[in-house]
Amino acid sequence: MQSGYGALSRGFLISLSRYSRFKIYRVPYDRKFAPNILDQSELLGIKTLHPDDADVVLRIGSPKVFKYNVPSIFYTQNALADLIPEWVKIMSNADALIVPGEFDRRVFERYFPNKVHTCPQYVDGDLFVPRPTYRKEGTEEFTFFLLVRMCIEKVQT
């Protein structure tokens, strides 16, 4: 998937593998990436490791049941005013939670005090490049532009 948690996961993985002083591994992935996923060769060049063999696991995505035998960090977000009970139960297994902003921090801290940290989501600088000439053509009011690119690939079963 080009957008959402898939893009966020790939962005984190590539950034950590390029700039971290730690050894970074990815979970074994038995499916092929969609053909237009950026940085495929770099992603495939990152060695794989089963999560229970790592020192710490960073899981990015919507809350799903997980339990590792090592410390785990969960990066997620919530667009609701409150968390549903199922998510609270699932995320109680995490040793730390990372959310993208202050709204989510306040919601998650109600259930997980002293476990919640904030880290804004990454922006792909190759896709979102400031264009000063566009600002000159527009008004002085705030302008918001949202580009959503989706790729759906038929998976053979």
N, C-alpha and C. Protein backbone atom coordinates (compact mmCIF):
# COMPACT_ATOMS: atom_id res chain seq x y z
N MET A 1 0.84 -1.18 0.00
CA MET A 1 0.00 0.00 0.00
C MET A 1 0.89 1.24 0.00
N GLN A 2 0.53 2.22 -0.79
CA GLN A 2 1.33 3.43 -0.93
C GLN A 2 1.11 4.41 0.22
N SER A 3 -0.05 4.35 0.86
CA SER A 3 -0.36 5.35 1.87
C SER A 3 -0.70 4.68 3.19
N GLY A 4 -0.99 5.49 4.19
CA GLY A 4 -1.40 4.96 5.47
C GLY A 4 -0.27 4.33 6.26
N TYR A 5 -0.63 3.33 7.07
CA TYR A 5 0.35 2.69 7.93
C TYR A 5 1.47 2.00 7.15
N GLY A 6 1.16 1.50 5.95
CA GLY A 6 2.20 0.85 5.15
C GLY A 6 3.30 1.82 4.78
N ALA A 7 2.91 2.99 4.29
CA ALA A 7 3.90 4.02 3.93
C ALA A 7 4.65 4.50 5.17
N LEU A 8 3.92 4.67 6.27
CA LEU A 8 4.55 5.10 7.51
C LEU A 8 5.56 4.07 8.01
N SER A 9 5.19 2.81 7.96
CA SER A 9 6.10 1.74 8.39
C SER A 9 7.36 1.72 7.53
N ARG A 10 7.18 1.79 6.22
CA ARG A 10 8.34 1.79 5.34
C ARG A 10 9.22 3.01 5.57
N GLY A 11 8.60 4.17 5.79
CA GLY A 11 9.38 5.38 6.06
C GLY A 11 10.20 5.27 7.34
N PHE A 12 9.59 4.77 8.40
CA PHE A 12 10.31 4.55 9.66
C PHE A 12 11.46 3.56 9.45
N LEU A 13 11.16 2.45 8.78
CA LEU A 13 12.15 1.40 8.60
C LEU A 13 13.36 1.90 7.81
N ILE A 14 13.12 2.60 6.74
CA ILE A 14 14.22 3.12 5.93
C ILE A 14 15.01 4.17 6.70
N SER A 15 14.31 5.08 7.36
CA SER A 15 15.02 6.12 8.13
C SER A 15 15.86 5.51 9.25
N LEU A 16 15.29 4.57 9.99
CA LEU A 16 16.04 3.94 11.07
C LEU A 16 17.23 3.16 10.53
N SER A 17 17.05 2.47 9.41
CA SER A 17 18.16 1.69 8.87
C SER A 17 19.27 2.59 8.32
N ARG A 18 18.91 3.76 7.82
CA ARG A 18 19.92 4.69 7.28
C ARG A 18 20.66 5.45 8.36
N TYR A 19 19.94 5.87 9.40
CA TYR A 19 20.50 6.85 10.32
C TYR A 19 20.66 6.39 11.76
N SER A 20 20.20 5.21 12.10
CA SER A 20 20.29 4.75 13.48
C SER A 20 21.64 4.07 13.72
N ARG A 21 22.11 4.17 14.96
CA ARG A 21 23.34 3.46 15.32
C ARG A 21 23.05 2.03 15.77
N PHE A 22 21.76 1.67 15.77
CA PHE A 22 21.35 0.33 16.16
C PHE A 22 21.17 -0.55 14.93
N LYS A 23 21.20 -1.86 15.13
CA LYS A 23 20.90 -2.79 14.05
C LYS A 23 19.38 -2.86 13.89
N ILE A 24 18.92 -2.63 12.70
CA ILE A 24 17.50 -2.61 12.41
C ILE A 24 17.16 -3.80 11.52
N TYR A 25 16.09 -4.49 11.85
CA TYR A 25 15.62 -5.63 11.08
C TYR A 25 14.16 -5.41 10.74
N ARG A 26 13.70 -6.11 9.75
CA ARG A 26 12.27 -6.10 9.43
C ARG A 26 11.70 -7.49 9.66
N VAL A 27 10.42 -7.56 9.88
CA VAL A 27 9.74 -8.83 10.06
C VAL A 27 9.72 -9.54 8.71
N PRO A 28 9.92 -10.85 8.70
CA PRO A 28 9.82 -11.58 7.42
C PRO A 28 8.47 -11.30 6.76
N TYR A 29 8.52 -10.99 5.49
CA TYR A 29 7.33 -10.60 4.74
C TYR A 29 7.23 -11.51 3.53
N ASP A 30 6.23 -12.39 3.49
CA ASP A 30 6.16 -13.40 2.44
C ASP A 30 5.38 -12.97 1.20
N ARG A 31 4.91 -11.74 1.19
CA ARG A 31 4.20 -11.24 0.01
C ARG A 31 5.09 -10.26 -0.74
N LYS A 32 4.82 -10.07 -2.01
CA LYS A 32 5.58 -9.12 -2.81
C LYS A 32 5.04 -7.71 -2.59
N PHE A 33 5.93 -6.73 -2.65
CA PHE A 33 5.50 -5.35 -2.60
C PHE A 33 4.78 -5.01 -3.90
N ALA A 34 3.84 -4.08 -3.85
CA ALA A 34 3.23 -3.58 -5.08
C ALA A 34 4.33 -2.98 -5.94
N PRO A 35 4.23 -3.06 -7.25
CA PRO A 35 5.34 -2.64 -8.12
C PRO A 35 5.76 -1.18 -7.98
N ASN A 36 4.87 -0.31 -7.56
CA ASN A 36 5.23 1.11 -7.47
C ASN A 36 5.65 1.56 -6.08
N ILE A 37 5.91 0.65 -5.17
CA ILE A 37 6.39 1.02 -3.84
C ILE A 37 7.81 1.57 -3.98
N LEU A 38 8.02 2.74 -3.42
CA LEU A 38 9.34 3.36 -3.49
C LEU A 38 10.34 2.61 -2.62
N ASP A 39 11.60 2.66 -2.99
CA ASP A 39 12.71 2.11 -2.19
C ASP A 39 12.60 0.61 -1.93
N GLN A 40 12.00 -0.14 -2.85
CA GLN A 40 11.86 -1.59 -2.65
C GLN A 40 13.19 -2.28 -2.45
N SER A 41 14.17 -1.92 -3.27
CA SER A 41 15.45 -2.62 -3.17
C SER A 41 16.09 -2.35 -1.81
N GLU A 42 15.96 -1.13 -1.30
CA GLU A 42 16.52 -0.81 0.01
C GLU A 42 15.77 -1.57 1.11
N LEU A 43 14.46 -1.63 1.00
CA LEU A 43 13.66 -2.36 1.98
C LEU A 43 14.03 -3.85 1.98
N LEU A 44 14.15 -4.42 0.80
CA LEU A 44 14.49 -5.84 0.70
C LEU A 44 15.92 -6.12 1.15
N GLY A 45 16.76 -5.10 1.15
CA GLY A 45 18.14 -5.26 1.61
C GLY A 45 18.27 -5.27 3.12
N ILE A 46 17.22 -4.90 3.83
CA ILE A 46 17.24 -4.92 5.30
C ILE A 46 16.97 -6.36 5.75
N LYS A 47 17.86 -6.89 6.55
CA LYS A 47 17.72 -8.29 6.99
C LYS A 47 16.45 -8.49 7.80
N THR A 48 15.94 -9.72 7.78
CA THR A 48 14.73 -10.05 8.53
C THR A 48 15.09 -10.76 9.83
N LEU A 49 14.18 -10.67 10.78
CA LEU A 49 14.37 -11.29 12.09
C LEU A 49 12.99 -11.52 12.70
N HIS A 50 12.80 -12.64 13.33
CA HIS A 50 11.53 -12.88 14.03
C HIS A 50 11.47 -11.93 15.22
N PRO A 51 10.31 -11.29 15.47
CA PRO A 51 10.22 -10.32 16.56
C PRO A 51 10.72 -10.81 17.92
N ASP A 52 10.47 -12.07 18.26
CA ASP A 52 10.90 -12.57 19.57
C ASP A 52 12.40 -12.71 19.70
N ASP A 53 13.14 -12.59 18.58
CA ASP A 53 14.59 -12.66 18.61
C ASP A 53 15.24 -11.28 18.67
N ALA A 54 14.42 -10.23 18.70
CA ALA A 54 14.93 -8.86 18.74
C ALA A 54 15.10 -8.40 20.19
N ASP A 55 15.75 -7.26 20.36
CA ASP A 55 15.86 -6.65 21.69
C ASP A 55 14.62 -5.83 22.03
N VAL A 56 14.02 -5.23 21.01
CA VAL A 56 12.79 -4.46 21.17
C VAL A 56 12.05 -4.47 19.84
N VAL A 57 10.72 -4.44 19.89
CA VAL A 57 9.89 -4.46 18.68
C VAL A 57 9.14 -3.14 18.58
N LEU A 58 9.18 -2.52 17.40
CA LEU A 58 8.37 -1.34 17.11
C LEU A 58 7.28 -1.80 16.15
N ARG A 59 6.04 -1.75 16.61
CA ARG A 59 4.91 -2.17 15.78
C ARG A 59 4.15 -0.92 15.37
N ILE A 60 3.90 -0.76 14.06
CA ILE A 60 3.20 0.40 13.53
C ILE A 60 1.92 -0.08 12.88
N GLY A 61 0.80 0.47 13.30
CA GLY A 61 -0.46 0.10 12.67
C GLY A 61 -1.64 0.25 13.61
N SER A 62 -2.78 -0.19 13.11
CA SER A 62 -3.98 -0.14 13.95
C SER A 62 -3.89 -1.27 14.98
N PRO A 63 -4.54 -1.10 16.12
CA PRO A 63 -4.44 -2.10 17.19
C PRO A 63 -4.92 -3.47 16.77
N LYS A 64 -4.01 -4.43 16.83
CA LYS A 64 -4.32 -5.84 16.59
C LYS A 64 -3.63 -6.63 17.69
N VAL A 65 -4.18 -7.77 18.01
CA VAL A 65 -3.63 -8.58 19.10
C VAL A 65 -2.16 -8.90 18.82
N PHE A 66 -1.32 -8.65 19.80
CA PHE A 66 0.09 -8.97 19.70
C PHE A 66 0.64 -9.18 21.10
N LYS A 67 1.62 -10.03 21.20
CA LYS A 67 2.34 -10.23 22.45
C LYS A 67 3.68 -10.82 22.08
N TYR A 68 4.71 -10.09 22.42
CA TYR A 68 6.06 -10.55 22.13
C TYR A 68 6.75 -10.90 23.44
N ASN A 69 7.81 -11.65 23.35
CA ASN A 69 8.59 -12.02 24.53
C ASN A 69 9.69 -11.01 24.81
N VAL A 70 9.64 -9.88 24.12
CA VAL A 70 10.63 -8.80 24.30
C VAL A 70 9.84 -7.50 24.46
N PRO A 71 10.47 -6.44 24.97
CA PRO A 71 9.77 -5.15 25.08
C PRO A 71 9.23 -4.70 23.73
N SER A 72 8.05 -4.10 23.75
CA SER A 72 7.43 -3.65 22.51
C SER A 72 6.92 -2.22 22.62
N ILE A 73 7.04 -1.53 21.49
CA ILE A 73 6.56 -0.15 21.35
C ILE A 73 5.50 -0.18 20.26
N PHE A 74 4.39 0.49 20.50
CA PHE A 74 3.30 0.50 19.54
C PHE A 74 3.11 1.92 19.04
N TYR A 75 3.17 2.13 17.72
CA TYR A 75 2.90 3.43 17.11
C TYR A 75 1.55 3.34 16.42
N THR A 76 0.60 4.15 16.87
CA THR A 76 -0.74 4.15 16.29
C THR A 76 -1.37 5.51 16.47
N GLN A 77 -2.58 5.65 16.00
CA GLN A 77 -3.32 6.89 16.18
C GLN A 77 -4.79 6.58 16.34
N ASN A 78 -5.55 7.59 16.73
CA ASN A 78 -6.96 7.40 17.02
C ASN A 78 -7.71 8.65 16.55
N ALA A 79 -8.69 8.48 15.69
CA ALA A 79 -9.45 9.64 15.21
C ALA A 79 -10.75 9.82 15.99
N LEU A 80 -10.93 9.04 17.03
CA LEU A 80 -12.15 9.10 17.82
C LEU A 80 -11.92 9.92 19.08
N ALA A 81 -12.99 10.28 19.74
CA ALA A 81 -12.86 11.04 20.98
C ALA A 81 -12.36 10.17 22.13
N ASP A 82 -12.53 8.87 22.01
CA ASP A 82 -12.10 7.96 23.06
C ASP A 82 -11.67 6.65 22.41
N LEU A 83 -10.99 5.82 23.18
CA LEU A 83 -10.56 4.51 22.68
C LEU A 83 -11.64 3.47 22.96
N ILE A 84 -11.81 2.55 22.04
CA ILE A 84 -12.77 1.48 22.29
C ILE A 84 -12.13 0.46 23.24
N PRO A 85 -12.92 -0.20 24.07
CA PRO A 85 -12.37 -1.13 25.07
C PRO A 85 -11.45 -2.20 24.48
N GLU A 86 -11.77 -2.71 23.30
CA GLU A 86 -10.93 -3.73 22.67
C GLU A 86 -9.51 -3.21 22.43
N TRP A 87 -9.39 -1.95 21.98
CA TRP A 87 -8.06 -1.37 21.74
C TRP A 87 -7.29 -1.21 23.05
N VAL A 88 -7.99 -0.79 24.09
CA VAL A 88 -7.33 -0.62 25.39
C VAL A 88 -6.75 -1.95 25.85
N LYS A 89 -7.51 -3.01 25.70
CA LYS A 89 -7.04 -4.33 26.10
C LYS A 89 -5.84 -4.76 25.26
N ILE A 90 -5.91 -4.57 23.95
CA ILE A 90 -4.83 -4.97 23.05
C ILE A 90 -3.54 -4.20 23.37
N MET A 91 -3.66 -2.89 23.52
CA MET A 91 -2.47 -2.06 23.71
C MET A 91 -1.90 -2.13 25.12
N SER A 92 -2.60 -2.76 26.03
CA SER A 92 -2.06 -2.89 27.38
C SER A 92 -0.82 -3.78 27.40
N ASN A 93 -0.61 -4.57 26.33
CA ASN A 93 0.59 -5.40 26.23
C ASN A 93 1.84 -4.59 25.86
N ALA A 94 1.66 -3.40 25.35
CA ALA A 94 2.80 -2.59 24.91
C ALA A 94 3.54 -1.99 26.10
N ASP A 95 4.86 -1.89 25.96
CA ASP A 95 5.66 -1.25 27.01
C ASP A 95 5.67 0.26 26.85
N ALA A 96 5.44 0.74 25.63
CA ALA A 96 5.36 2.17 25.35
C ALA A 96 4.46 2.38 24.15
N LEU A 97 3.83 3.54 24.08
CA LEU A 97 2.98 3.90 22.95
C LEU A 97 3.48 5.21 22.36
N ILE A 98 3.51 5.27 21.04
CA ILE A 98 3.87 6.50 20.34
C ILE A 98 2.68 6.90 19.50
N VAL A 99 2.30 8.16 19.61
CA VAL A 99 1.17 8.71 18.85
C VAL A 99 1.66 9.95 18.10
N PRO A 100 0.95 10.35 17.01
CA PRO A 100 1.46 11.43 16.18
C PRO A 100 1.20 12.85 16.67
N GLY A 101 0.33 13.05 17.66
CA GLY A 101 0.05 14.43 18.05
C GLY A 101 -0.55 14.54 19.44
N GLU A 102 -0.78 15.80 19.82
CA GLU A 102 -1.27 16.09 21.18
C GLU A 102 -2.68 15.57 21.43
N PHE A 103 -3.54 15.62 20.43
CA PHE A 103 -4.90 15.09 20.62
C PHE A 103 -4.83 13.62 21.04
N ASP A 104 -4.09 12.83 20.26
CA ASP A 104 -3.95 11.41 20.59
C ASP A 104 -3.26 11.19 21.92
N ARG A 105 -2.27 12.01 22.23
CA ARG A 105 -1.56 11.86 23.50
C ARG A 105 -2.54 11.98 24.66
N ARG A 106 -3.40 12.99 24.61
CA ARG A 106 -4.37 13.19 25.70
C ARG A 106 -5.33 12.01 25.83
N VAL A 107 -5.80 11.48 24.69
CA VAL A 107 -6.74 10.35 24.71
C VAL A 107 -6.06 9.11 25.28
N PHE A 108 -4.87 8.79 24.76
CA PHE A 108 -4.18 7.56 25.18
C PHE A 108 -3.70 7.63 26.63
N GLU A 109 -3.32 8.82 27.09
CA GLU A 109 -2.83 8.94 28.47
C GLU A 109 -3.91 8.67 29.50
N ARG A 110 -5.18 8.78 29.12
CA ARG A 110 -6.25 8.44 30.06
C ARG A 110 -6.17 6.98 30.47
N TYR A 111 -5.69 6.14 29.56
CA TYR A 111 -5.62 4.70 29.80
C TYR A 111 -4.21 4.20 30.10
N PHE A 112 -3.22 4.92 29.58
CA PHE A 112 -1.84 4.47 29.70
C PHE A 112 -0.95 5.60 30.20
N PRO A 113 -1.16 6.08 31.43
CA PRO A 113 -0.33 7.17 31.94
C PRO A 113 1.14 6.76 31.98
N ASN A 114 2.01 7.69 31.66
CA ASN A 114 3.47 7.50 31.68
C ASN A 114 3.98 6.51 30.62
N LYS A 115 3.14 6.11 29.68
CA LYS A 115 3.57 5.21 28.61
C LYS A 115 3.51 5.88 27.23
N VAL A 116 2.90 7.06 27.14
CA VAL A 116 2.60 7.66 25.84
C VAL A 116 3.63 8.74 25.48
N HIS A 117 4.12 8.66 24.25
CA HIS A 117 5.09 9.61 23.72
C HIS A 117 4.58 10.12 22.38
N THR A 118 4.98 11.32 22.00
CA THR A 118 4.52 11.93 20.76
C THR A 118 5.65 12.00 19.75
N CYS A 119 5.36 11.59 18.52
CA CYS A 119 6.30 11.70 17.41
C CYS A 119 5.49 11.98 16.15
N PRO A 120 5.62 13.17 15.57
CA PRO A 120 4.85 13.46 14.35
C PRO A 120 5.15 12.48 13.24
N GLN A 121 4.16 12.27 12.38
CA GLN A 121 4.36 11.35 11.27
C GLN A 121 5.33 11.95 10.26
N TYR A 122 6.02 11.07 9.58
CA TYR A 122 7.02 11.50 8.62
C TYR A 122 6.36 11.98 7.34
N VAL A 123 7.03 12.85 6.63
CA VAL A 123 6.56 13.33 5.34
C VAL A 123 7.62 12.98 4.32
N ASP A 124 7.22 12.37 3.23
CA ASP A 124 8.14 12.01 2.16
C ASP A 124 8.51 13.28 1.39
N GLY A 125 9.73 13.75 1.58
CA GLY A 125 10.20 14.96 0.93
C GLY A 125 10.28 14.86 -0.57
N ASP A 126 10.27 13.64 -1.11
CA ASP A 126 10.26 13.48 -2.56
C ASP A 126 8.86 13.71 -3.14
N LEU A 127 7.84 13.50 -2.32
CA LEU A 127 6.47 13.72 -2.79
C LEU A 127 5.93 15.09 -2.43
N PHE A 128 6.25 15.56 -1.24
CA PHE A 128 5.72 16.83 -0.76
C PHE A 128 6.85 17.85 -0.70
N VAL A 129 6.97 18.60 -1.77
CA VAL A 129 8.05 19.58 -1.90
C VAL A 129 7.44 20.97 -1.90
N PRO A 130 7.92 21.90 -1.05
CA PRO A 130 7.38 23.27 -1.06
C PRO A 130 7.57 23.91 -2.44
N ARG A 131 6.55 24.57 -2.93
CA ARG A 131 6.61 25.26 -4.21
C ARG A 131 6.26 26.73 -4.00
N PRO A 132 7.27 27.56 -3.73
CA PRO A 132 7.02 28.98 -3.44
C PRO A 132 6.23 29.69 -4.54
N THR A 133 6.40 29.28 -5.79
CA THR A 133 5.67 29.96 -6.87
C THR A 133 4.17 29.73 -6.74
N TYR A 134 3.76 28.58 -6.23
CA TYR A 134 2.33 28.33 -6.04
C TYR A 134 1.76 29.27 -4.99
N ARG A 135 2.51 29.56 -3.95
CA ARG A 135 2.05 30.47 -2.90
C ARG A 135 1.82 31.86 -3.49
N LYS A 136 2.68 32.31 -4.39
CA LYS A 136 2.54 33.64 -5.01
C LYS A 136 1.27 33.73 -5.84
N GLU A 137 0.84 32.62 -6.42
CA GLU A 137 -0.35 32.62 -7.26
C GLU A 137 -1.63 32.61 -6.44
N GLY A 138 -1.56 32.17 -5.20
CA GLY A 138 -2.75 32.03 -4.36
C GLY A 138 -3.04 33.27 -3.54
N THR A 139 -4.00 33.11 -2.64
CA THR A 139 -4.37 34.21 -1.76
C THR A 139 -3.48 34.18 -0.53
N GLU A 140 -3.65 35.13 0.35
CA GLU A 140 -2.89 35.18 1.60
C GLU A 140 -3.48 34.24 2.64
N GLU A 141 -4.67 33.70 2.36
CA GLU A 141 -5.31 32.77 3.29
C GLU A 141 -4.58 31.44 3.28
N PHE A 142 -4.79 30.69 4.32
CA PHE A 142 -4.19 29.35 4.42
C PHE A 142 -4.72 28.47 3.30
N THR A 143 -3.84 27.74 2.67
CA THR A 143 -4.21 26.81 1.61
C THR A 143 -3.83 25.41 2.03
N PHE A 144 -4.74 24.48 1.87
CA PHE A 144 -4.48 23.09 2.21
C PHE A 144 -4.65 22.25 0.97
N PHE A 145 -3.67 21.42 0.71
CA PHE A 145 -3.72 20.54 -0.45
C PHE A 145 -3.49 19.12 0.03
N LEU A 146 -4.36 18.21 -0.35
CA LEU A 146 -4.23 16.81 0.04
C LEU A 146 -4.13 15.98 -1.22
N LEU A 147 -3.07 15.22 -1.30
CA LEU A 147 -2.87 14.32 -2.42
C LEU A 147 -2.97 12.90 -1.90
N VAL A 148 -3.89 12.16 -2.44
CA VAL A 148 -4.04 10.77 -2.03
C VAL A 148 -3.80 9.92 -3.26
N ARG A 149 -2.82 9.06 -3.18
CA ARG A 149 -2.52 8.13 -4.26
C ARG A 149 -2.76 6.73 -3.74
N MET A 150 -3.54 5.99 -4.43
CA MET A 150 -3.81 4.63 -4.00
C MET A 150 -3.40 3.65 -5.08
N CYS A 151 -2.96 2.54 -4.66
CA CYS A 151 -2.60 1.48 -5.59
C CYS A 151 -3.25 0.20 -5.08
N ILE A 152 -4.04 -0.41 -5.92
CA ILE A 152 -4.66 -1.68 -5.55
C ILE A 152 -4.14 -2.73 -6.52
N GLU A 153 -3.58 -3.77 -5.98
CA GLU A 153 -3.02 -4.83 -6.80
C GLU A 153 -3.80 -6.10 -6.52
N LYS A 154 -4.21 -6.75 -7.58
CA LYS A 154 -4.92 -8.01 -7.41
C LYS A 154 -3.92 -9.06 -6.95
N VAL A 155 -4.23 -9.73 -5.87
CA VAL A 155 -3.36 -10.75 -5.31
C VAL A 155 -3.86 -12.10 -5.76
N GLN A 156 -2.97 -12.90 -6.35
CA GLN A 156 -3.35 -14.23 -6.78
C GLN A 156 -3.32 -15.18 -5.59
N THR A 157 -4.36 -15.98 -5.48
CA THR A 157 -4.42 -16.94 -4.37
C THR A 157 -4.26 -18.34 -4.88
